Amino acid sequence: MGILTAIAIGAAGATGAVVAAPLVLAGIGFTSAGIAAGSYAAGMMSAAAVANGGAVAAGSTVAVLQAAGAAGLSGAATAAVAGAGAAVGAAVEWMAG
């Protein structure tokens, strides 16, 4: 596969990851209305609260994911997700090639 194919696959991976991130967050329970009862996110929140003496620490994984689920990804988070998606796309192209 040529360089243009690699670029196209990397771009598709980046785009796919950015589009999928909000859907995945909502799917596991990090919604704009808060953490969905009975969801995987609720289990994460419960475990984090137990480990932290009853509260979820600011800046923790649960807090960051809930913020992203409620308000969407920040510019930096979007760039990080796009970079990860591009890397996965490039790795798939490399393994296939």
C-alpha atoms as a PDB file:
ATOM      1  CA  MET A   1       0.000   0.000   0.000  1.00  0.00           C
ATOM      2  CA  GLY A   2       1.212   3.459  -0.810  1.00  0.00           C
ATOM      3  CA  ILE A   3       1.579   6.600   1.209  1.00  0.00           C
ATOM      4  CA  LEU A   4      -1.780   7.980   0.047  1.00  0.00           C
ATOM      5  CA  THR A   5      -3.515   4.824   1.250  1.00  0.00           C
ATOM      6  CA  ALA A   6      -1.774   5.121   4.602  1.00  0.00           C
ATOM      7  CA  ILE A   7      -2.821   8.767   4.916  1.00  0.00           C
ATOM      8  CA  ALA A   8      -6.414   7.940   3.976  1.00  0.00           C
ATOM      9  CA  ILE A   9      -6.621   5.100   6.492  1.00  0.00           C
ATOM     10  CA  GLY A  10      -5.059   7.255   9.214  1.00  0.00           C
ATOM     11  CA  ALA A  11      -7.523  10.063   8.471  1.00  0.00           C
ATOM     12  CA  ALA A  12     -10.431   7.616   8.532  1.00  0.00           C
ATOM     13  CA  GLY A  13      -9.251   6.288  11.887  1.00  0.00           C
ATOM     14  CA  ALA A  14      -8.975   9.802  13.303  1.00  0.00           C
ATOM     15  CA  THR A  15     -12.420  10.796  12.047  1.00  0.00           C
ATOM     16  CA  GLY A  16     -14.001   7.566  13.214  1.00  0.00           C
ATOM     17  CA  ALA A  17     -12.554   7.921  16.706  1.00  0.00           C
ATOM     18  CA  VAL A  18     -13.743  11.524  17.099  1.00  0.00           C
ATOM     19  CA  VAL A  19     -17.245  10.625  15.889  1.00  0.00           C
ATOM     20  CA  ALA A  20     -17.426   7.476  18.026  1.00  0.00           C
ATOM     21  CA  ALA A  21     -16.158   8.976  21.304  1.00  0.00           C
ATOM     22  CA  PRO A  22     -19.403  10.750  22.332  1.00  0.00           C
ATOM     23  CA  LEU A  23     -21.459   7.726  21.301  1.00  0.00           C
ATOM     24  CA  VAL A  24     -19.283   5.378  23.335  1.00  0.00           C
ATOM     25  CA  LEU A  25     -19.406   7.683  26.367  1.00  0.00           C
ATOM     26  CA  ALA A  26     -23.205   7.811  26.223  1.00  0.00           C
ATOM     27  CA  GLY A  27     -23.363   4.078  25.604  1.00  0.00           C
ATOM     28  CA  ILE A  28     -21.523   3.279  28.824  1.00  0.00           C
ATOM     29  CA  GLY A  29     -23.585   5.763  30.816  1.00  0.00           C
ATOM     30  CA  PHE A  30     -21.773   9.125  30.770  1.00  0.00           C
ATOM     31  CA  THR A  31     -24.663  11.227  29.437  1.00  0.00           C
ATOM     32  CA  SER A  32     -25.452  14.923  29.189  1.00  0.00           C
ATOM     33  CA  ALA A  33     -28.016  14.435  31.964  1.00  0.00           C
ATOM     34  CA  GLY A  34     -25.492  12.783  34.299  1.00  0.00           C
ATOM     35  CA  ILE A  35     -24.438   9.232  34.972  1.00  0.00           C
ATOM     36  CA  ALA A  36     -27.160   6.764  33.943  1.00  0.00           C
ATOM     37  CA  ALA A  37     -28.445   4.534  36.755  1.00  0.00           C
ATOM     38  CA  GLY A  38     -27.412   0.900  36.464  1.00  0.00           C
ATOM     39  CA  SER A  39     -24.819   1.605  33.783  1.00  0.00           C
ATOM     40  CA  TYR A  40     -21.136   0.764  33.583  1.00  0.00           C
ATOM     41  CA  ALA A  41     -20.467   4.430  34.426  1.00  0.00           C
ATOM     42  CA  ALA A  42     -22.564   4.075  37.585  1.00  0.00           C
ATOM     43  CA  GLY A  43     -20.425   1.109  38.636  1.00  0.00           C
ATOM     44  CA  MET A  44     -17.262   3.124  37.991  1.00  0.00           C
ATOM     45  CA  MET A  45     -18.641   6.022  40.021  1.00  0.00           C
ATOM     46  CA  SER A  46     -19.588   3.738  42.901  1.00  0.00           C
ATOM     47  CA  ALA A  47     -16.141   2.128  42.979  1.00  0.00           C
ATOM     48  CA  ALA A  48     -14.430   5.521  42.817  1.00  0.00           C
ATOM     49  CA  ALA A  49     -16.577   6.869  45.647  1.00  0.00           C
ATOM     50  CA  VAL A  50     -15.896   3.849  47.858  1.00  0.00           C
ATOM     51  CA  ALA A  51     -12.157   4.087  47.190  1.00  0.00           C
ATOM     52  CA  ASN A  52     -12.164   7.815  47.960  1.00  0.00           C
ATOM     53  CA  GLY A  53     -14.163   7.787  51.179  1.00  0.00           C
ATOM     54  CA  GLY A  54     -17.568   8.575  49.708  1.00  0.00           C
ATOM     55  CA  ALA A  55     -16.829  11.168  47.049  1.00  0.00           C
ATOM     56  CA  VAL A  56     -15.546  11.144  43.493  1.00  0.00           C
ATOM     57  CA  ALA A  57     -12.297  13.092  43.316  1.00  0.00           C
ATOM     58  CA  ALA A  58     -12.113  16.046  40.952  1.00  0.00           C
ATOM     59  CA  GLY A  59      -9.877  15.199  38.025  1.00  0.00           C
ATOM     60  CA  SER A  60     -10.388  11.453  38.448  1.00  0.00           C
ATOM     61  CA  THR A  61     -11.147   9.228  35.456  1.00  0.00           C
ATOM     62  CA  VAL A  62     -14.847   9.175  36.356  1.00  0.00           C
ATOM     63  CA  ALA A  63     -14.971  12.964  36.713  1.00  0.00           C
ATOM     64  CA  VAL A  64     -13.179  13.559  33.405  1.00  0.00           C
ATOM     65  CA  LEU A  65     -15.372  11.075  31.527  1.00  0.00           C
ATOM     66  CA  GLN A  66     -18.538  12.570  33.006  1.00  0.00           C
ATOM     67  CA  ALA A  67     -17.434  16.064  32.025  1.00  0.00           C
ATOM     68  CA  ALA A  68     -16.814  14.828  28.466  1.00  0.00           C
ATOM     69  CA  GLY A  69     -20.180  13.057  28.430  1.00  0.00           C
ATOM     70  CA  ALA A  70     -21.987  16.138  29.691  1.00  0.00           C
ATOM     71  CA  ALA A  71     -20.263  18.871  27.688  1.00  0.00           C
ATOM     72  CA  GLY A  72     -18.516  17.044  24.860  1.00  0.00           C
ATOM     73  CA  LEU A  73     -14.820  16.692  24.233  1.00  0.00           C
ATOM     74  CA  SER A  74     -12.540  19.687  24.703  1.00  0.00           C
ATOM     75  CA  GLY A  75     -10.214  20.741  21.909  1.00  0.00           C
ATOM     76  CA  ALA A  76      -7.301  18.953  23.550  1.00  0.00           C
ATOM     77  CA  ALA A  77      -9.344  15.797  24.111  1.00  0.00           C
ATOM     78  CA  THR A  78     -10.564  15.862  20.511  1.00  0.00           C
ATOM     79  CA  ALA A  79      -6.969  16.145  19.320  1.00  0.00           C
ATOM     80  CA  ALA A  80      -5.891  13.268  21.563  1.00  0.00           C
ATOM     81  CA  VAL A  81      -8.750  11.032  20.391  1.00  0.00           C
ATOM     82  CA  ALA A  82      -8.019  11.911  16.759  1.00  0.00           C
ATOM     83  CA  GLY A  83      -4.340  11.120  17.251  1.00  0.00           C
ATOM     84  CA  ALA A  84      -5.146   7.777  18.821  1.00  0.00           C
ATOM     85  CA  GLY A  85      -7.584   6.953  16.021  1.00  0.00           C
ATOM     86  CA  ALA A  86      -5.008   7.872  13.399  1.00  0.00           C
ATOM     87  CA  ALA A  87      -2.419   5.690  15.127  1.00  0.00           C
ATOM     88  CA  VAL A  88      -4.806   2.735  15.179  1.00  0.00           C
ATOM     89  CA  GLY A  89      -5.651   3.306  11.522  1.00  0.00           C
ATOM     90  CA  ALA A  90      -1.964   3.437  10.624  1.00  0.00           C
ATOM     91  CA  ALA A  91      -1.245   0.295  12.624  1.00  0.00           C
ATOM     92  CA  VAL A  92      -4.046  -1.574  10.873  1.00  0.00           C
ATOM     93  CA  GLU A  93      -2.726  -0.436   7.483  1.00  0.00           C
ATOM     94  CA  TRP A  94       0.823  -1.476   8.426  1.00  0.00           C
ATOM     95  CA  MET A  95      -0.290  -4.937   9.588  1.00  0.00           C
ATOM     96  CA  ALA A  96      -2.404  -5.435   6.471  1.00  0.00           C
ATOM     97  CA  GLY A  97       0.303  -4.237   4.141  1.00  0.00           C
END
